[in-house]
N, C-alpha and C. Protein backbone atom coordinates (compact mmCIF):
# COMPACT_ATOMS: atom_id res chain seq x y z
N UNK A 1 -23.61 -54.16 22.95
CA UNK A 1 -22.67 -53.57 22.02
C UNK A 1 -22.27 -52.17 22.48
N UNK A 2 -23.25 -51.37 22.95
CA UNK A 2 -22.94 -50.03 23.43
C UNK A 2 -21.98 -50.09 24.62
N UNK A 3 -22.15 -51.10 25.46
CA UNK A 3 -21.30 -51.26 26.63
C UNK A 3 -19.85 -51.51 26.22
N UNK A 4 -19.65 -52.32 25.20
CA UNK A 4 -18.31 -52.62 24.70
C UNK A 4 -17.67 -51.35 24.13
N UNK A 5 -18.41 -50.59 23.38
CA UNK A 5 -17.91 -49.34 22.81
C UNK A 5 -17.54 -48.37 23.92
N UNK A 6 -18.37 -48.28 24.94
CA UNK A 6 -18.06 -47.39 26.08
C UNK A 6 -16.77 -47.81 26.76
N UNK A 7 -16.59 -49.11 26.97
CA UNK A 7 -15.36 -49.59 27.61
C UNK A 7 -14.14 -49.29 26.75
N UNK A 8 -14.25 -49.51 25.47
CA UNK A 8 -13.13 -49.22 24.57
C UNK A 8 -12.82 -47.73 24.59
N UNK A 9 -13.84 -46.91 24.53
CA UNK A 9 -13.65 -45.46 24.56
C UNK A 9 -13.02 -45.03 25.88
N UNK A 10 -13.52 -45.56 26.99
CA UNK A 10 -12.99 -45.22 28.31
C UNK A 10 -11.51 -45.57 28.41
N UNK A 11 -11.14 -46.79 28.02
CA UNK A 11 -9.75 -47.21 28.12
C UNK A 11 -8.86 -46.46 27.14
N UNK A 12 -9.39 -46.10 26.00
CA UNK A 12 -8.61 -45.30 25.04
C UNK A 12 -8.30 -43.92 25.62
N UNK A 13 -9.32 -43.28 26.18
CA UNK A 13 -9.13 -41.96 26.78
C UNK A 13 -8.17 -42.06 27.97
N UNK A 14 -8.31 -43.08 28.80
CA UNK A 14 -7.43 -43.26 29.95
C UNK A 14 -5.99 -43.48 29.50
N UNK A 15 -5.79 -44.26 28.45
CA UNK A 15 -4.45 -44.51 27.92
C UNK A 15 -3.83 -43.22 27.39
N UNK A 16 -4.58 -42.48 26.62
CA UNK A 16 -4.07 -41.22 26.05
C UNK A 16 -3.73 -40.24 27.17
N UNK A 17 -4.60 -40.13 28.17
CA UNK A 17 -4.36 -39.23 29.30
C UNK A 17 -3.08 -39.61 30.04
N UNK A 18 -2.89 -40.90 30.32
CA UNK A 18 -1.69 -41.33 31.03
C UNK A 18 -0.44 -41.11 30.18
N UNK A 19 -0.55 -41.30 28.86
CA UNK A 19 0.58 -41.05 27.98
C UNK A 19 0.96 -39.58 27.99
N UNK A 20 -0.02 -38.70 27.98
CA UNK A 20 0.24 -37.25 28.01
C UNK A 20 0.93 -36.88 29.32
N UNK A 21 0.49 -37.45 30.44
CA UNK A 21 1.12 -37.16 31.73
C UNK A 21 2.57 -37.60 31.75
N UNK A 22 2.85 -38.80 31.27
CA UNK A 22 4.22 -39.30 31.23
C UNK A 22 5.06 -38.47 30.28
N UNK A 23 4.52 -38.14 29.12
CA UNK A 23 5.27 -37.35 28.15
C UNK A 23 5.59 -35.97 28.69
N UNK A 24 4.65 -35.35 29.40
CA UNK A 24 4.92 -34.02 29.93
C UNK A 24 5.94 -34.09 31.06
N UNK A 25 5.91 -35.14 31.87
CA UNK A 25 6.90 -35.29 32.94
C UNK A 25 8.28 -35.53 32.36
N UNK A 26 8.36 -36.29 31.28
CA UNK A 26 9.67 -36.60 30.72
C UNK A 26 10.29 -35.41 30.01
N UNK A 27 9.50 -34.40 29.66
CA UNK A 27 10.06 -33.25 28.98
C UNK A 27 10.49 -32.16 29.96
N UNK A 28 10.25 -32.37 31.26
CA UNK A 28 10.64 -31.38 32.25
C UNK A 28 12.15 -31.45 32.52
N UNK A 29 12.74 -30.30 32.79
CA UNK A 29 14.14 -30.25 33.18
C UNK A 29 14.27 -30.74 34.62
N UNK A 30 15.49 -31.00 35.04
CA UNK A 30 15.73 -31.42 36.42
C UNK A 30 15.24 -30.36 37.39
N UNK A 31 15.48 -29.10 37.08
CA UNK A 31 15.02 -28.02 37.96
C UNK A 31 13.50 -27.99 38.05
N UNK A 32 12.82 -28.16 36.92
CA UNK A 32 11.35 -28.18 36.93
C UNK A 32 10.82 -29.38 37.71
N UNK A 33 11.44 -30.54 37.53
CA UNK A 33 11.03 -31.73 38.29
C UNK A 33 11.22 -31.50 39.78
N UNK A 34 12.37 -30.93 40.14
CA UNK A 34 12.64 -30.65 41.55
C UNK A 34 11.59 -29.71 42.11
N UNK A 35 11.29 -28.66 41.37
CA UNK A 35 10.32 -27.67 41.86
C UNK A 35 8.93 -28.27 42.00
N UNK A 36 8.54 -29.18 41.10
CA UNK A 36 7.19 -29.75 41.17
C UNK A 36 7.08 -30.94 42.12
N UNK A 37 8.16 -31.68 42.31
CA UNK A 37 8.10 -32.91 43.11
C UNK A 37 8.75 -32.77 44.50
N UNK A 38 9.72 -31.90 44.64
CA UNK A 38 10.56 -31.90 45.85
C UNK A 38 10.50 -30.63 46.68
N UNK A 39 10.38 -29.48 46.01
CA UNK A 39 10.54 -28.19 46.68
C UNK A 39 9.50 -27.92 47.76
N UNK A 40 8.33 -28.52 47.68
CA UNK A 40 7.30 -28.27 48.70
C UNK A 40 7.81 -28.67 50.09
N UNK A 41 8.65 -29.67 50.17
CA UNK A 41 9.21 -30.09 51.46
C UNK A 41 10.67 -29.65 51.61
N UNK A 42 11.45 -29.80 50.55
CA UNK A 42 12.89 -29.54 50.61
C UNK A 42 13.25 -28.09 50.37
N UNK A 43 12.31 -27.26 49.93
CA UNK A 43 12.49 -25.83 49.62
C UNK A 43 13.23 -25.66 48.30
N UNK A 44 13.00 -24.54 47.67
CA UNK A 44 13.63 -24.25 46.37
C UNK A 44 15.15 -24.28 46.47
N UNK A 45 15.68 -23.91 47.63
CA UNK A 45 17.14 -23.87 47.80
C UNK A 45 17.70 -25.12 48.47
N UNK A 46 16.87 -26.11 48.76
CA UNK A 46 17.33 -27.37 49.33
C UNK A 46 17.56 -27.34 50.83
N UNK A 47 17.13 -26.28 51.51
CA UNK A 47 17.36 -26.16 52.95
C UNK A 47 16.31 -26.88 53.79
N UNK A 48 15.17 -27.23 53.20
CA UNK A 48 14.07 -27.82 53.96
C UNK A 48 13.28 -26.79 54.73
N UNK A 49 13.53 -25.52 54.44
CA UNK A 49 12.89 -24.42 55.16
C UNK A 49 11.54 -24.07 54.54
N UNK A 50 10.60 -24.99 54.69
CA UNK A 50 9.21 -24.80 54.26
C UNK A 50 8.33 -25.27 55.40
N UNK A 51 7.06 -24.88 55.42
CA UNK A 51 6.18 -25.40 56.48
C UNK A 51 6.17 -26.93 56.55
N UNK A 52 6.05 -27.57 55.38
CA UNK A 52 6.03 -29.04 55.36
C UNK A 52 7.39 -29.60 55.77
N UNK A 53 8.45 -28.98 55.29
CA UNK A 53 9.80 -29.44 55.63
C UNK A 53 10.08 -29.33 57.12
N UNK A 54 9.65 -28.21 57.72
CA UNK A 54 9.84 -28.03 59.16
C UNK A 54 9.03 -29.06 59.95
N UNK A 55 7.80 -29.29 59.51
CA UNK A 55 6.94 -30.24 60.20
C UNK A 55 7.54 -31.65 60.16
N UNK A 56 8.14 -32.00 59.04
CA UNK A 56 8.71 -33.35 58.88
C UNK A 56 10.19 -33.40 59.24
N UNK A 57 10.72 -32.27 59.72
CA UNK A 57 12.13 -32.19 60.11
C UNK A 57 13.07 -32.57 58.98
N UNK A 58 12.80 -32.04 57.79
CA UNK A 58 13.64 -32.29 56.63
C UNK A 58 14.97 -31.57 56.82
N UNK A 59 16.05 -32.27 56.58
CA UNK A 59 17.38 -31.67 56.72
C UNK A 59 17.82 -31.05 55.40
N UNK A 60 18.65 -30.05 55.51
CA UNK A 60 19.20 -29.39 54.34
C UNK A 60 20.08 -30.36 53.55
N UNK A 61 20.07 -30.22 52.24
CA UNK A 61 20.94 -31.05 51.41
C UNK A 61 22.41 -30.75 51.68
N UNK A 62 22.71 -29.57 52.22
CA UNK A 62 24.10 -29.23 52.52
C UNK A 62 24.53 -29.68 53.92
N UNK A 63 23.60 -30.22 54.72
CA UNK A 63 23.97 -30.76 56.03
C UNK A 63 24.96 -31.91 55.80
N UNK A 64 26.06 -31.95 56.55
CA UNK A 64 27.09 -32.98 56.32
C UNK A 64 26.55 -34.41 56.25
N UNK A 65 25.61 -34.75 57.13
CA UNK A 65 25.08 -36.12 57.14
C UNK A 65 24.22 -36.43 55.92
N UNK A 66 23.74 -35.40 55.24
CA UNK A 66 22.95 -35.59 54.02
C UNK A 66 23.86 -35.51 52.80
N UNK A 67 24.72 -34.50 52.76
CA UNK A 67 25.59 -34.28 51.60
C UNK A 67 26.54 -35.46 51.36
N UNK A 68 26.85 -36.22 52.42
CA UNK A 68 27.78 -37.35 52.25
C UNK A 68 27.14 -38.55 51.56
N UNK A 69 25.81 -38.54 51.41
CA UNK A 69 25.14 -39.66 50.75
C UNK A 69 25.69 -39.86 49.34
N UNK A 70 25.86 -41.10 48.97
CA UNK A 70 26.28 -41.42 47.61
C UNK A 70 25.09 -41.23 46.66
N UNK A 71 25.39 -41.14 45.37
CA UNK A 71 24.30 -41.06 44.39
C UNK A 71 23.42 -42.30 44.48
N UNK A 72 24.03 -43.45 44.75
CA UNK A 72 23.26 -44.69 44.87
C UNK A 72 22.29 -44.60 46.06
N UNK A 73 22.74 -44.01 47.16
CA UNK A 73 21.86 -43.87 48.33
C UNK A 73 20.71 -42.92 48.01
N UNK A 74 21.01 -41.81 47.34
CA UNK A 74 19.96 -40.86 46.98
C UNK A 74 18.99 -41.47 45.97
N UNK A 75 19.51 -42.29 45.07
CA UNK A 75 18.64 -42.97 44.11
C UNK A 75 17.69 -43.90 44.85
N UNK A 76 18.20 -44.65 45.80
CA UNK A 76 17.38 -45.57 46.60
C UNK A 76 16.30 -44.81 47.36
N UNK A 77 16.68 -43.70 47.99
CA UNK A 77 15.73 -42.89 48.74
C UNK A 77 14.66 -42.32 47.81
N UNK A 78 15.08 -41.82 46.66
CA UNK A 78 14.14 -41.22 45.71
C UNK A 78 13.18 -42.26 45.17
N UNK A 79 13.68 -43.43 44.85
CA UNK A 79 12.82 -44.48 44.30
C UNK A 79 11.85 -45.05 45.33
N UNK A 80 12.34 -45.29 46.54
CA UNK A 80 11.55 -46.03 47.53
C UNK A 80 10.99 -45.17 48.65
N UNK A 81 11.43 -43.91 48.73
CA UNK A 81 10.99 -43.03 49.80
C UNK A 81 11.77 -43.28 51.07
N UNK A 82 11.56 -42.39 52.02
CA UNK A 82 12.23 -42.53 53.32
C UNK A 82 11.41 -41.76 54.34
N UNK A 83 11.09 -42.40 55.44
CA UNK A 83 10.26 -41.73 56.44
C UNK A 83 8.92 -41.36 55.82
N UNK A 84 8.58 -40.08 55.87
CA UNK A 84 7.31 -39.62 55.31
C UNK A 84 7.40 -39.27 53.84
N UNK A 85 8.62 -39.31 53.29
CA UNK A 85 8.79 -39.00 51.87
C UNK A 85 8.31 -40.16 51.01
N UNK A 86 7.45 -39.88 50.03
CA UNK A 86 6.99 -40.96 49.15
C UNK A 86 8.08 -41.38 48.17
N UNK A 87 7.97 -42.59 47.68
CA UNK A 87 8.86 -43.06 46.64
C UNK A 87 8.38 -42.61 45.27
N UNK A 88 9.30 -42.51 44.34
CA UNK A 88 8.95 -42.05 43.00
C UNK A 88 9.16 -43.11 41.92
N UNK A 89 9.29 -44.37 42.32
CA UNK A 89 9.35 -45.46 41.34
C UNK A 89 8.05 -45.45 40.55
N UNK A 90 8.15 -45.48 39.24
CA UNK A 90 6.97 -45.47 38.38
C UNK A 90 6.44 -44.07 38.11
N UNK A 91 6.93 -43.08 38.85
CA UNK A 91 6.51 -41.69 38.63
C UNK A 91 7.59 -40.90 37.93
N UNK A 92 8.83 -41.29 38.15
CA UNK A 92 9.98 -40.68 37.48
C UNK A 92 10.82 -41.80 36.87
N UNK A 93 11.41 -41.53 35.74
CA UNK A 93 12.29 -42.51 35.11
C UNK A 93 13.64 -42.50 35.83
N UNK A 94 14.45 -43.51 35.58
CA UNK A 94 15.80 -43.54 36.15
C UNK A 94 16.59 -42.32 35.70
N UNK A 95 16.45 -41.94 34.44
CA UNK A 95 17.17 -40.77 33.92
C UNK A 95 16.72 -39.50 34.64
N UNK A 96 15.43 -39.36 34.88
CA UNK A 96 14.93 -38.19 35.59
C UNK A 96 15.45 -38.15 37.02
N UNK A 97 15.46 -39.30 37.67
CA UNK A 97 15.98 -39.37 39.04
C UNK A 97 17.45 -38.97 39.06
N UNK A 98 18.22 -39.48 38.11
CA UNK A 98 19.65 -39.12 38.03
C UNK A 98 19.82 -37.62 37.81
N UNK A 99 18.99 -37.05 36.95
CA UNK A 99 19.08 -35.60 36.69
C UNK A 99 18.73 -34.80 37.94
N UNK A 100 17.70 -35.22 38.66
CA UNK A 100 17.31 -34.51 39.88
C UNK A 100 18.41 -34.62 40.94
N UNK A 101 19.04 -35.77 41.04
CA UNK A 101 20.14 -35.94 42.00
C UNK A 101 21.30 -35.00 41.65
N UNK A 102 21.62 -34.87 40.37
CA UNK A 102 22.66 -33.91 39.96
C UNK A 102 22.25 -32.49 40.35
N UNK A 103 20.99 -32.18 40.16
CA UNK A 103 20.49 -30.85 40.54
C UNK A 103 20.61 -30.66 42.05
N UNK A 104 20.26 -31.67 42.83
CA UNK A 104 20.36 -31.60 44.29
C UNK A 104 21.82 -31.44 44.71
N UNK A 105 22.71 -32.12 44.04
CA UNK A 105 24.15 -31.98 44.34
C UNK A 105 24.55 -30.51 44.21
N UNK A 106 24.02 -29.83 43.20
CA UNK A 106 24.31 -28.40 43.03
C UNK A 106 23.76 -27.59 44.19
N UNK A 107 22.57 -27.94 44.65
CA UNK A 107 21.98 -27.23 45.80
C UNK A 107 22.80 -27.48 47.06
N UNK A 108 23.29 -28.70 47.22
CA UNK A 108 24.04 -29.03 48.45
C UNK A 108 25.37 -28.30 48.52
N UNK A 109 25.85 -27.83 47.37
CA UNK A 109 27.12 -27.09 47.34
C UNK A 109 26.89 -25.59 47.42
N UNK A 110 25.64 -25.20 47.63
CA UNK A 110 25.34 -23.77 47.73
C UNK A 110 25.28 -23.10 46.38
N UNK A 111 25.14 -23.85 45.34
CA UNK A 111 24.97 -23.46 43.94
C UNK A 111 24.91 -22.01 43.73
């Protein structure tokens, strides 16, 4: 009986913890999401000028070959990853991904 109670308690705590994480991520603005998920490699200004970005040869969002990407292409890259970039399917909602892409579009224009 104690084992069953422990399992129920464990799964309840795990469920609440995961709900809190999702709820806190969903309340973040596009800029906050970008800063927490993307800026470590892509830089706050979208240039890729960070140690990690340089190591992985991240291109600036304003580079012509990057800026020409459609929103659909950026959505695909964000969801599934590209090269060493991880995918964010299940970590960000479609709405959050769309918001971050709009934010990136602003960075690519020299905002």
